[in-house]
C-alpha atoms as a PDB file:
ATOM      1  CA  MET A   1     133.266 150.972  16.538  1.00  0.00           C
ATOM      2  CA  ARG A   2     130.914 148.034  16.721  1.00  0.00           C
ATOM      3  CA  THR A   3     131.693 144.812  14.991  1.00  0.00           C
ATOM      4  CA  ARG A   4     129.798 144.381  11.798  1.00  0.00           C
ATOM      5  CA  ARG A   5     128.236 140.990  11.859  1.00  0.00           C
ATOM      6  CA  GLY A   6     128.955 138.803   8.880  1.00  0.00           C
ATOM      7  CA  THR A   7     129.379 135.231   7.861  1.00  0.00           C
ATOM      8  CA  VAL A   8     132.928 134.241   8.680  1.00  0.00           C
ATOM      9  CA  ARG A   9     134.353 131.983   6.015  1.00  0.00           C
ATOM     10  CA  LEU A  10     137.821 130.967   7.021  1.00  0.00           C
ATOM     11  CA  ARG A  11     140.536 129.695   4.761  1.00  0.00           C
ATOM     12  CA  GLY A  12     141.172 125.959   4.959  1.00  0.00           C
ATOM     13  CA  TRP A  13     144.564 124.616   5.908  1.00  0.00           C
ATOM     14  CA  GLY A  14     146.329 122.176   3.615  1.00  0.00           C
ATOM     15  CA  GLY A  15     145.054 118.629   3.802  1.00  0.00           C
ATOM     16  CA  VAL A  16     142.549 119.199   6.605  1.00  0.00           C
ATOM     17  CA  GLY A  17     139.624 119.848   4.303  1.00  0.00           C
ATOM     18  CA  ALA A  18     139.093 116.136   3.896  1.00  0.00           C
ATOM     19  CA  ARG A  19     136.702 114.316   6.164  1.00  0.00           C
ATOM     20  CA  GLY A  20     139.223 111.753   7.299  1.00  0.00           C
ATOM     21  CA  ALA A  21     141.695 114.427   8.352  1.00  0.00           C
ATOM     22  CA  ALA A  22     139.098 116.234  10.402  1.00  0.00           C
ATOM     23  CA  CYS A  23     138.140 112.988  12.131  1.00  0.00           C
ATOM     24  CA  ALA A  24     141.777 112.287  12.870  1.00  0.00           C
ATOM     25  CA  LEU A  25     142.129 115.809  14.191  1.00  0.00           C
ATOM     26  CA  ALA A  26     139.270 115.282  16.614  1.00  0.00           C
ATOM     27  CA  GLY A  27     140.862 112.081  17.821  1.00  0.00           C
ATOM     28  CA  THR A  28     144.183 113.709  18.559  1.00  0.00           C
ATOM     29  CA  LEU A  29     143.118 117.044  20.008  1.00  0.00           C
ATOM     30  CA  VAL A  30     140.646 116.275  22.759  1.00  0.00           C
ATOM     31  CA  LEU A  31     143.099 115.546  25.567  1.00  0.00           C
ATOM     32  CA  ALA A  32     143.748 118.257  28.149  1.00  0.00           C
ATOM     33  CA  LEU A  33     147.216 119.728  28.373  1.00  0.00           C
ATOM     34  CA  PRO A  34     148.988 118.896  31.651  1.00  0.00           C
ATOM     35  CA  LEU A  35     149.756 121.446  34.320  1.00  0.00           C
ATOM     36  CA  ASP A  36     152.994 121.722  36.240  1.00  0.00           C
ATOM     37  CA  ASP A  37     152.633 120.600  39.847  1.00  0.00           C
ATOM     38  CA  GLU A  38     153.446 124.138  40.930  1.00  0.00           C
ATOM     39  CA  GLY A  39     150.845 125.623  38.597  1.00  0.00           C
ATOM     40  CA  ALA A  40     147.269 126.582  39.284  1.00  0.00           C
ATOM     41  CA  GLY A  41     145.112 124.543  41.593  1.00  0.00           C
ATOM     42  CA  ASP A  42     144.601 123.962  45.303  1.00  0.00           C
ATOM     43  CA  GLY A  43     143.193 127.426  45.728  1.00  0.00           C
ATOM     44  CA  ALA A  44     146.211 129.137  44.197  1.00  0.00           C
ATOM     45  CA  VAL A  45     144.203 130.980  41.603  1.00  0.00           C
ATOM     46  CA  GLY A  46     141.261 133.363  41.594  1.00  0.00           C
ATOM     47  CA  ARG A  47     140.486 135.416  44.660  1.00  0.00           C
ATOM     48  CA  GLY A  48     144.075 135.864  45.655  1.00  0.00           C
ATOM     49  CA  GLY A  49     144.747 132.297  46.762  1.00  0.00           C
ATOM     50  CA  PRO A  50     144.418 130.832  50.253  1.00  0.00           C
ATOM     51  CA  GLY A  51     143.650 133.222  53.051  1.00  0.00           C
ATOM     52  CA  VAL A  52     142.659 136.129  50.803  1.00  0.00           C
ATOM     53  CA  THR A  53     139.002 137.092  50.600  1.00  0.00           C
ATOM     54  CA  VAL A  54     137.737 139.477  47.947  1.00  0.00           C
ATOM     55  CA  ALA A  55     134.090 140.451  47.820  1.00  0.00           C
ATOM     56  CA  ALA A  56     132.402 139.502  44.547  1.00  0.00           C
ATOM     57  CA  PRO A  57     130.746 142.387  42.697  1.00  0.00           C
ATOM     58  CA  ALA A  58     126.992 142.397  42.243  1.00  0.00           C
ATOM     59  CA  ARG A  59     125.694 140.799  39.081  1.00  0.00           C
ATOM     60  CA  ALA A  60     125.120 143.241  36.241  1.00  0.00           C
ATOM     61  CA  ASP A  61     121.597 144.136  35.193  1.00  0.00           C
ATOM     62  CA  ALA A  62     120.232 142.300  32.178  1.00  0.00           C
ATOM     63  CA  ALA A  63     120.967 145.260  29.913  1.00  0.00           C
ATOM     64  CA  ASP A  64     124.612 145.128  30.982  1.00  0.00           C
ATOM     65  CA  CYS A  65     125.202 141.416  30.539  1.00  0.00           C
ATOM     66  CA  ASN A  66     126.516 141.416  27.002  1.00  0.00           C
ATOM     67  CA  ASP A  67     129.666 143.485  27.274  1.00  0.00           C
ATOM     68  CA  ARG A  68     129.832 145.752  30.338  1.00  0.00           C
ATOM     69  CA  SER A  69     132.730 145.094  32.679  1.00  0.00           C
ATOM     70  CA  LEU A  70     134.963 146.842  35.218  1.00  0.00           C
ATOM     71  CA  ARG A  71     136.944 149.855  34.047  1.00  0.00           C
ATOM     72  CA  PRO A  72     140.571 149.086  33.086  1.00  0.00           C
ATOM     73  CA  SER A  73     143.396 149.603  35.560  1.00  0.00           C
ATOM     74  CA  PRO A  74     147.159 148.881  35.489  1.00  0.00           C
ATOM     75  CA  ASP A  75     147.204 148.228  39.234  1.00  0.00           C
ATOM     76  CA  SER A  76     147.788 144.848  40.833  1.00  0.00           C
ATOM     77  CA  GLY A  77     145.697 143.468  43.675  1.00  0.00           C
ATOM     78  CA  PRO A  78     145.339 140.266  45.680  1.00  0.00           C
ATOM     79  CA  THR A  79     144.544 138.064  42.681  1.00  0.00           C
ATOM     80  CA  ILE A  80     147.464 139.203  40.546  1.00  0.00           C
ATOM     81  CA  ASP A  81     149.813 139.216  43.546  1.00  0.00           C
ATOM     82  CA  ALA A  82     148.930 135.586  44.258  1.00  0.00           C
ATOM     83  CA  ILE A  83     149.559 134.632  40.638  1.00  0.00           C
ATOM     84  CA  LYS A  84     152.967 136.296  40.692  1.00  0.00           C
ATOM     85  CA  LYS A  85     153.947 134.601  43.966  1.00  0.00           C
ATOM     86  CA  ARG A  86     153.544 131.085  42.587  1.00  0.00           C
ATOM     87  CA  LYS A  87     156.700 129.052  42.142  1.00  0.00           C
ATOM     88  CA  VAL A  88     156.085 128.724  38.418  1.00  0.00           C
ATOM     89  CA  LYS A  89     155.923 132.263  37.051  1.00  0.00           C
ATOM     90  CA  LYS A  90     153.297 131.660  34.444  1.00  0.00           C
ATOM     91  CA  LEU A  91     149.723 132.615  33.796  1.00  0.00           C
ATOM     92  CA  VAL A  92     147.526 129.512  33.554  1.00  0.00           C
ATOM     93  CA  VAL A  93     144.943 129.898  30.807  1.00  0.00           C
ATOM     94  CA  GLY A  94     142.143 127.558  29.791  1.00  0.00           C
ATOM     95  CA  VAL A  95     141.889 127.306  26.009  1.00  0.00           C
ATOM     96  CA  ASP A  96     140.617 125.149  23.195  1.00  0.00           C
ATOM     97  CA  GLN A  97     143.022 123.131  21.100  1.00  0.00           C
ATOM     98  CA  ASN A  98     140.698 121.998  18.332  1.00  0.00           C
ATOM     99  CA  SER A  99     138.930 125.188  17.171  1.00  0.00           C
ATOM    100  CA  TYR A 100     140.448 126.031  13.822  1.00  0.00           C
ATOM    101  CA  GLN A 101     141.994 129.537  13.773  1.00  0.00           C
ATOM    102  CA  TRP A 102     140.978 130.239  17.392  1.00  0.00           C
ATOM    103  CA  GLY A 103     142.971 127.728  19.410  1.00  0.00           C
ATOM    104  CA  TYR A 104     144.408 124.742  17.565  1.00  0.00           C
ATOM    105  CA  ARG A 105     147.501 122.828  16.500  1.00  0.00           C
ATOM    106  CA  ASP A 106     148.348 122.909  12.816  1.00  0.00           C
ATOM    107  CA  PRO A 107     149.325 119.343  11.834  1.00  0.00           C
ATOM    108  CA  ASN A 108     151.375 120.748   8.951  1.00  0.00           C
ATOM    109  CA  LYS A 109     153.753 122.535  11.337  1.00  0.00           C
ATOM    110  CA  LYS A 110     156.458 121.015  13.476  1.00  0.00           C
ATOM    111  CA  GLY A 111     156.513 121.626  17.205  1.00  0.00           C
ATOM    112  CA  GLY A 112     152.788 121.342  17.803  1.00  0.00           C
ATOM    113  CA  GLU A 113     152.436 124.714  19.523  1.00  0.00           C
ATOM    114  CA  LEU A 114     148.968 126.109  20.024  1.00  0.00           C
ATOM    115  CA  GLU A 115     148.081 129.053  17.813  1.00  0.00           C
ATOM    116  CA  GLY A 116     145.104 131.143  16.790  1.00  0.00           C
ATOM    117  CA  PHE A 117     143.203 134.305  17.680  1.00  0.00           C
ATOM    118  CA  ASP A 118     142.476 133.329  21.293  1.00  0.00           C
ATOM    119  CA  ILE A 119     146.042 132.118  21.771  1.00  0.00           C
ATOM    120  CA  ASP A 120     147.397 135.488  20.619  1.00  0.00           C
ATOM    121  CA  LEU A 121     145.219 137.238  23.207  1.00  0.00           C
ATOM    122  CA  ALA A 122     146.395 134.919  25.990  1.00  0.00           C
ATOM    123  CA  HIS A 123     150.006 135.774  25.131  1.00  0.00           C
ATOM    124  CA  GLU A 124     149.171 139.491  25.325  1.00  0.00           C
ATOM    125  CA  ILE A 125     147.692 139.095  28.806  1.00  0.00           C
ATOM    126  CA  ALA A 126     150.748 137.144  29.977  1.00  0.00           C
ATOM    127  CA  LYS A 127     153.002 139.914  28.646  1.00  0.00           C
ATOM    128  CA  GLU A 128     151.040 142.504  30.645  1.00  0.00           C
ATOM    129  CA  ILE A 129     151.269 140.571  33.913  1.00  0.00           C
ATOM    130  CA  PHE A 130     154.741 139.018  33.695  1.00  0.00           C
ATOM    131  CA  GLY A 131     156.456 141.149  31.066  1.00  0.00           C
ATOM    132  CA  ASN A 132     156.923 138.041  28.935  1.00  0.00           C
ATOM    133  CA  ARG A 133     154.374 136.924  26.348  1.00  0.00           C
ATOM    134  CA  ASN A 134     155.588 133.337  26.705  1.00  0.00           C
ATOM    135  CA  ALA A 135     154.964 133.279  30.464  1.00  0.00           C
ATOM    136  CA  VAL A 136     151.740 131.360  29.914  1.00  0.00           C
ATOM    137  CA  LYS A 137     150.773 127.745  30.458  1.00  0.00           C
ATOM    138  CA  PHE A 138     147.846 126.518  28.428  1.00  0.00           C
ATOM    139  CA  ARG A 139     145.354 124.021  29.759  1.00  0.00           C
ATOM    140  CA  ALA A 140     142.989 122.559  27.162  1.00  0.00           C
ATOM    141  CA  ILE A 141     139.462 122.211  28.524  1.00  0.00           C
ATOM    142  CA  PRO A 142     136.180 121.089  26.930  1.00  0.00           C
ATOM    143  CA  THR A 143     133.278 123.482  26.481  1.00  0.00           C
ATOM    144  CA  ASN A 144     131.284 122.158  29.431  1.00  0.00           C
ATOM    145  CA  GLN A 145     134.263 122.431  31.823  1.00  0.00           C
ATOM    146  CA  ARG A 146     135.121 126.097  31.279  1.00  0.00           C
ATOM    147  CA  ILE A 147     133.321 127.430  34.347  1.00  0.00           C
ATOM    148  CA  PRO A 148     134.252 124.513  36.658  1.00  0.00           C
ATOM    149  CA  ALA A 149     137.917 124.948  35.684  1.00  0.00           C
ATOM    150  CA  ILE A 150     137.777 128.591  36.780  1.00  0.00           C
ATOM    151  CA  GLN A 151     135.841 127.954  39.973  1.00  0.00           C
ATOM    152  CA  SER A 152     138.088 125.095  41.067  1.00  0.00           C
ATOM    153  CA  GLY A 153     141.260 127.124  40.490  1.00  0.00           C
ATOM    154  CA  GLN A 154     142.637 124.907  37.734  1.00  0.00           C
ATOM    155  CA  VAL A 155     143.114 128.023  35.593  1.00  0.00           C
ATOM    156  CA  ASP A 156     143.520 131.754  36.181  1.00  0.00           C
ATOM    157  CA  MET A 157     141.194 132.530  33.288  1.00  0.00           C
ATOM    158  CA  VAL A 158     139.547 131.066  30.222  1.00  0.00           C
ATOM    159  CA  VAL A 159     140.201 132.512  26.751  1.00  0.00           C
ATOM    160  CA  ARG A 160     138.118 130.113  24.698  1.00  0.00           C
ATOM    161  CA  THR A 161     135.424 131.650  22.467  1.00  0.00           C
ATOM    162  CA  MET A 162     133.265 132.019  25.596  1.00  0.00           C
ATOM    163  CA  THR A 163     130.118 134.102  25.274  1.00  0.00           C
ATOM    164  CA  ILE A 164     129.244 136.634  27.973  1.00  0.00           C
ATOM    165  CA  ASN A 165     125.695 136.281  29.273  1.00  0.00           C
ATOM    166  CA  CYS A 166     123.699 136.916  32.441  1.00  0.00           C
ATOM    167  CA  ALA A 167     123.570 133.291  33.592  1.00  0.00           C
ATOM    168  CA  ARG A 168     127.345 132.917  33.373  1.00  0.00           C
ATOM    169  CA  LEU A 169     127.862 136.188  35.221  1.00  0.00           C
ATOM    170  CA  ASP A 170     126.344 134.461  38.244  1.00  0.00           C
ATOM    171  CA  ASP A 171     129.293 132.041  38.203  1.00  0.00           C
ATOM    172  CA  VAL A 172     132.312 133.923  36.819  1.00  0.00           C
ATOM    173  CA  ASP A 173     133.465 137.447  36.025  1.00  0.00           C
ATOM    174  CA  PHE A 174     134.141 138.582  32.481  1.00  0.00           C
ATOM    175  CA  SER A 175     136.268 141.114  30.705  1.00  0.00           C
ATOM    176  CA  THR A 176     134.576 143.418  28.252  1.00  0.00           C
ATOM    177  CA  GLY A 177     133.715 141.769  24.941  1.00  0.00           C
ATOM    178  CA  TYR A 178     136.584 141.184  22.525  1.00  0.00           C
ATOM    179  CA  PHE A 179     134.735 139.636  19.568  1.00  0.00           C
ATOM    180  CA  GLU A 180     131.176 139.723  18.255  1.00  0.00           C
ATOM    181  CA  THR A 181     129.553 136.587  16.900  1.00  0.00           C
ATOM    182  CA  GLY A 182     126.219 134.759  16.963  1.00  0.00           C
ATOM    183  CA  GLN A 183     124.634 131.342  16.674  1.00  0.00           C
ATOM    184  CA  GLN A 184     124.197 129.737  13.268  1.00  0.00           C
ATOM    185  CA  VAL A 185     123.357 126.374  11.726  1.00  0.00           C
ATOM    186  CA  LEU A 186     125.976 124.288   9.915  1.00  0.00           C
ATOM    187  CA  ALA A 187     124.797 121.492   7.630  1.00  0.00           C
ATOM    188  CA  PRO A 188     125.778 119.682   4.431  1.00  0.00           C
ATOM    189  CA  LYS A 189     125.496 121.803   1.306  1.00  0.00           C
ATOM    190  CA  LYS A 190     123.026 119.296  -0.171  1.00  0.00           C
ATOM    191  CA  SER A 191     120.789 119.440   2.919  1.00  0.00           C
ATOM    192  CA  ASP A 192     117.306 120.963   2.724  1.00  0.00           C
ATOM    193  CA  ILE A 193     117.948 122.747   6.032  1.00  0.00           C
ATOM    194  CA  THR A 194     117.891 126.499   5.440  1.00  0.00           C
ATOM    195  CA  GLY A 195     118.692 127.847   8.897  1.00  0.00           C
ATOM    196  CA  TYR A 196     117.429 128.010  12.460  1.00  0.00           C
ATOM    197  CA  ASN A 197     113.812 127.424  11.495  1.00  0.00           C
ATOM    198  CA  ASP A 198     111.160 124.806  10.804  1.00  0.00           C
ATOM    199  CA  THR A 199     113.429 123.006   8.332  1.00  0.00           C
ATOM    200  CA  LEU A 200     115.112 121.490  11.418  1.00  0.00           C
ATOM    201  CA  LYS A 201     111.950 119.502  12.210  1.00  0.00           C
ATOM    202  CA  GLY A 202     112.722 115.802  12.495  1.00  0.00           C
ATOM    203  CA  LYS A 203     116.460 116.383  12.025  1.00  0.00           C
ATOM    204  CA  LYS A 204     119.177 115.324  14.441  1.00  0.00           C
ATOM    205  CA  VAL A 205     121.048 118.414  15.613  1.00  0.00           C
ATOM    206  CA  CYS A 206     124.337 118.411  17.521  1.00  0.00           C
ATOM    207  CA  SER A 207     125.607 121.023  19.979  1.00  0.00           C
ATOM    208  CA  ALA A 208     128.307 121.244  22.620  1.00  0.00           C
ATOM    209  CA  ALA A 209     127.176 120.665  26.200  1.00  0.00           C
ATOM    210  CA  GLY A 210     127.286 123.864  28.223  1.00  0.00           C
ATOM    211  CA  SER A 211     127.204 126.059  25.120  1.00  0.00           C
ATOM    212  CA  ILE A 212     124.842 128.882  24.140  1.00  0.00           C
ATOM    213  CA  ALA A 213     123.771 126.713  21.205  1.00  0.00           C
ATOM    214  CA  ALA A 214     122.605 123.973  23.569  1.00  0.00           C
ATOM    215  CA  GLU A 215     120.689 126.529  25.636  1.00  0.00           C
ATOM    216  CA  LYS A 216     118.976 127.963  22.561  1.00  0.00           C
ATOM    217  CA  LEU A 217     118.001 124.530  21.270  1.00  0.00           C
ATOM    218  CA  ASP A 218     116.584 123.584  24.659  1.00  0.00           C
ATOM    219  CA  LYS A 219     114.306 126.628  24.435  1.00  0.00           C
ATOM    220  CA  GLU A 220     113.382 126.303  20.748  1.00  0.00           C
ATOM    221  CA  SER A 221     114.230 123.162  18.801  1.00  0.00           C
ATOM    222  CA  PHE A 222     111.721 123.552  15.938  1.00  0.00           C
ATOM    223  CA  GLY A 223     110.915 119.881  16.388  1.00  0.00           C
ATOM    224  CA  ALA A 224     114.505 118.692  15.963  1.00  0.00           C
ATOM    225  CA  ASP A 225     116.085 115.820  17.879  1.00  0.00           C
ATOM    226  CA  ILE A 226     118.560 117.712  20.096  1.00  0.00           C
ATOM    227  CA  SER A 227     119.716 114.798  22.244  1.00  0.00           C
ATOM    228  CA  THR A 228     123.245 114.806  20.795  1.00  0.00           C
ATOM    229  CA  LYS A 229     125.348 116.992  23.079  1.00  0.00           C
ATOM    230  CA  VAL A 230     129.124 116.530  23.013  1.00  0.00           C
ATOM    231  CA  PRO A 231     132.042 117.908  25.076  1.00  0.00           C
ATOM    232  CA  ASN A 232     133.688 119.850  22.217  1.00  0.00           C
ATOM    233  CA  GLN A 233     132.487 121.608  19.084  1.00  0.00           C
ATOM    234  CA  LEU A 234     134.694 119.584  16.751  1.00  0.00           C
ATOM    235  CA  ASP A 235     133.023 116.394  17.974  1.00  0.00           C
ATOM    236  CA  CYS A 236     129.852 117.672  16.313  1.00  0.00           C
ATOM    237  CA  LEU A 237     131.637 118.003  12.983  1.00  0.00           C
ATOM    238  CA  VAL A 238     132.809 114.408  13.223  1.00  0.00           C
ATOM    239  CA  ARG A 239     129.257 113.260  14.049  1.00  0.00           C
ATOM    240  CA  LEU A 240     128.015 115.206  11.025  1.00  0.00           C
ATOM    241  CA  GLN A 241     130.642 113.651   8.766  1.00  0.00           C
ATOM    242  CA  LEU A 242     129.766 110.161   9.996  1.00  0.00           C
ATOM    243  CA  GLY A 243     126.092 110.761   9.243  1.00  0.00           C
ATOM    244  CA  GLU A 244     125.079 110.488  12.891  1.00  0.00           C
ATOM    245  CA  VAL A 245     123.519 113.978  12.903  1.00  0.00           C
ATOM    246  CA  ASP A 246     122.027 116.215  10.223  1.00  0.00           C
ATOM    247  CA  ALA A 247     123.197 119.614  11.437  1.00  0.00           C
ATOM    248  CA  ILE A 248     125.184 121.538  14.031  1.00  0.00           C
ATOM    249  CA  VAL A 249     124.278 124.703  15.903  1.00  0.00           C
ATOM    250  CA  THR A 250     127.257 126.686  17.157  1.00  0.00           C
ATOM    251  CA  ASP A 251     128.869 130.127  17.055  1.00  0.00           C
ATOM    252  CA  SER A 252     129.098 131.374  13.484  1.00  0.00           C
ATOM    253  CA  ALA A 253     132.846 131.987  13.831  1.00  0.00           C
ATOM    254  CA  LEU A 254     133.430 128.403  14.993  1.00  0.00           C
ATOM    255  CA  ALA A 255     131.046 127.021  12.374  1.00  0.00           C
ATOM    256  CA  ALA A 256     132.993 128.825   9.662  1.00  0.00           C
ATOM    257  CA  GLY A 257     136.177 127.196  10.909  1.00  0.00           C
ATOM    258  CA  GLN A 258     134.511 123.801  10.686  1.00  0.00           C
ATOM    259  CA  ALA A 259     133.280 124.598   7.175  1.00  0.00           C
ATOM    260  CA  ALA A 260     136.858 125.469   6.243  1.00  0.00           C
ATOM    261  CA  GLN A 261     137.931 122.013   7.380  1.00  0.00           C
ATOM    262  CA  ASP A 262     135.209 120.282   5.360  1.00  0.00           C
ATOM    263  CA  PRO A 263     134.128 121.874   2.055  1.00  0.00           C
ATOM    264  CA  THR A 264     131.022 119.649   1.875  1.00  0.00           C
ATOM    265  CA  VAL A 265     129.279 121.661   4.634  1.00  0.00           C
ATOM    266  CA  GLU A 266     128.169 125.273   4.839  1.00  0.00           C
ATOM    267  CA  LEU A 267     126.571 127.844   7.118  1.00  0.00           C
ATOM    268  CA  LYS A 268     122.798 128.002   6.710  1.00  0.00           C
ATOM    269  CA  GLY A 269     120.851 131.240   6.938  1.00  0.00           C
ATOM    270  CA  LYS A 270     121.971 134.687   5.839  1.00  0.00           C
ATOM    271  CA  GLU A 271     123.327 135.682   9.244  1.00  0.00           C
ATOM    272  CA  PRO A 272     123.500 134.509  12.885  1.00  0.00           C
ATOM    273  CA  PHE A 273     120.206 134.414  14.780  1.00  0.00           C
ATOM    274  CA  THR A 274     121.766 135.849  17.967  1.00  0.00           C
ATOM    275  CA  THR A 275     124.280 138.578  18.772  1.00  0.00           C
ATOM    276  CA  GLU A 276     126.942 137.657  21.325  1.00  0.00           C
ATOM    277  CA  HIS A 277     130.315 138.815  22.560  1.00  0.00           C
ATOM    278  CA  TYR A 278     133.210 136.609  23.557  1.00  0.00           C
ATOM    279  CA  GLY A 279     134.892 137.623  26.809  1.00  0.00           C
ATOM    280  CA  VAL A 280     137.791 136.487  28.979  1.00  0.00           C
ATOM    281  CA  ALA A 281     136.302 134.641  31.973  1.00  0.00           C
ATOM    282  CA  MET A 282     137.851 134.800  35.463  1.00  0.00           C
ATOM    283  CA  LYS A 283     136.980 133.712  38.985  1.00  0.00           C
ATOM    284  CA  LYS A 284     134.215 135.631  40.721  1.00  0.00           C
ATOM    285  CA  GLY A 285     135.590 138.542  42.707  1.00  0.00           C
ATOM    286  CA  SER A 286     138.904 138.802  40.853  1.00  0.00           C
ATOM    287  CA  ASP A 287     138.386 142.519  40.299  1.00  0.00           C
ATOM    288  CA  ASP A 288     142.041 143.451  39.919  1.00  0.00           C
ATOM    289  CA  LEU A 289     142.593 140.738  37.315  1.00  0.00           C
ATOM    290  CA  VAL A 290     139.447 141.721  35.406  1.00  0.00           C
ATOM    291  CA  ARG A 291     140.556 145.363  35.310  1.00  0.00           C
ATOM    292  CA  ARG A 292     144.045 144.371  34.186  1.00  0.00           C
ATOM    293  CA  VAL A 293     142.696 142.204  31.381  1.00  0.00           C
ATOM    294  CA  ASN A 294     140.458 145.070  30.286  1.00  0.00           C
ATOM    295  CA  LYS A 295     143.548 147.277  30.123  1.00  0.00           C
ATOM    296  CA  VAL A 296     145.137 144.686  27.827  1.00  0.00           C
ATOM    297  CA  LEU A 297     142.039 144.704  25.634  1.00  0.00           C
ATOM    298  CA  ASP A 298     142.026 148.519  25.497  1.00  0.00           C
ATOM    299  CA  ASP A 299     145.660 148.560  24.440  1.00  0.00           C
ATOM    300  CA  TYR A 300     145.094 145.681  22.024  1.00  0.00           C
ATOM    301  CA  ARG A 301     142.330 147.596  20.274  1.00  0.00           C
ATOM    302  CA  GLU A 302     144.243 150.877  20.185  1.00  0.00           C
ATOM    303  CA  ASP A 303     147.691 149.671  19.086  1.00  0.00           C
ATOM    304  CA  GLY A 304     146.417 147.545  16.224  1.00  0.00           C
ATOM    305  CA  GLY A 305     147.227 144.203  17.849  1.00  0.00           C
ATOM    306  CA  TRP A 306     143.611 143.040  17.669  1.00  0.00           C
ATOM    307  CA  GLN A 307     143.343 143.890  13.984  1.00  0.00           C
ATOM    308  CA  LYS A 308     146.671 142.266  13.191  1.00  0.00           C
ATOM    309  CA  SER A 309     145.618 139.032  14.869  1.00  0.00           C
ATOM    310  CA  TYR A 310     142.208 139.152  13.199  1.00  0.00           C
ATOM    311  CA  ASP A 311     143.751 139.689   9.766  1.00  0.00           C
ATOM    312  CA  LYS A 312     146.105 136.761  10.327  1.00  0.00           C
ATOM    313  CA  TRP A 313     143.586 134.215  11.571  1.00  0.00           C
ATOM    314  CA  LEU A 314     140.003 135.196  10.771  1.00  0.00           C
ATOM    315  CA  ALA A 315     139.808 137.710   7.919  1.00  0.00           C
ATOM    316  CA  GLY A 316     139.803 135.313   4.980  1.00  0.00           C
ATOM    317  CA  GLY A 317     136.461 135.433   3.204  1.00  0.00           C
ATOM    318  CA  LEU A 318     134.711 137.739   5.686  1.00  0.00           C
ATOM    319  CA  SER A 319     132.555 140.324   3.957  1.00  0.00           C
ATOM    320  CA  GLY A 320     132.862 143.863   5.246  1.00  0.00           C
ATOM    321  CA  LYS A 321     135.253 145.432   7.705  1.00  0.00           C
ATOM    322  CA  VAL A 322     135.246 143.855  11.146  1.00  0.00           C
ATOM    323  CA  THR A 323     136.505 145.659  14.234  1.00  0.00           C
ATOM    324  CA  PRO A 324     136.400 144.743  17.937  1.00  0.00           C
ATOM    325  CA  PRO A 325     133.308 145.618  19.973  1.00  0.00           C
ATOM    326  CA  ALA A 326     133.591 149.023  21.640  1.00  0.00           C
ATOM    327  CA  PRO A 327     134.061 148.665  25.416  1.00  0.00           C
ATOM    328  CA  ASP A 328     131.208 149.765  27.677  1.00  0.00           C
ATOM    329  CA  TYR A 329     132.214 149.856  31.329  1.00  0.00           C
ATOM    330  CA  ARG A 330     129.840 149.796  34.275  1.00  0.00           C
ATOM    331  CA  ASP A 331     131.990 151.922  36.618  1.00  0.00           C
END
């Protein structure tokens, strides 16, 4: 079944609805998590590590760019073998640590462990590869460093609300889509901005560098000042709260999380003005890893794991029933 698009309105978490708390959150959550010395890097990740060459598949046609990927397989190959041969038996995953309900640290909980919808999925992939859902090392990376982190071998994959599109398929490989979303405008409730339209004229609009939002604004700004581009989505919320910008353009699911943190802002427009799928991104040519991740996603959809995670993190306030995008494989 296809995901029914809707405006995601996520429940707030105690005490973080205030502006000051959100600003403090941004200040404490932008640092990258360290990697063990034996972890990913130095060519240890991606196309099977040093000395292993795997031919990259041809880029998908434009019609296939949204969600088509390689057919699932339980088999290992050079990429997975190289991951398993590392001294530290962990999957290294690039994530966000400041996207509420996707990948974040709840300041009200002790321990400071990352949690959220994307974090649940990363644990599922680790369980498939190592037989242990905790055999995963998270590396927090900003929006504009997602692709470089994959290409340089700092991470095995990125599970970080990353939209699949044709341009990115030139640089990385993707799983099939695991969540449907779209771009939307976030602005103060009292603002006269009504959506992604002419009401943005003369307004200062923030977006994350390297994001789909930034690409869309570069193509059509409606006369807005779009010079404010920041490393992470939450930085835009802080800029909005400080009065440095008038609006944010970002994924509707992320915007809803920001609105949950600050009740003075809201999503503008009845629905997103694009349709996009999030996918798990991996190094170009990592066919065996892509197929294995797609197997995880197939199982996750079928055994109810996806729905359970969605109900836990994202379901609050969403109108209509939401299900994962149906997979559409290219071979």
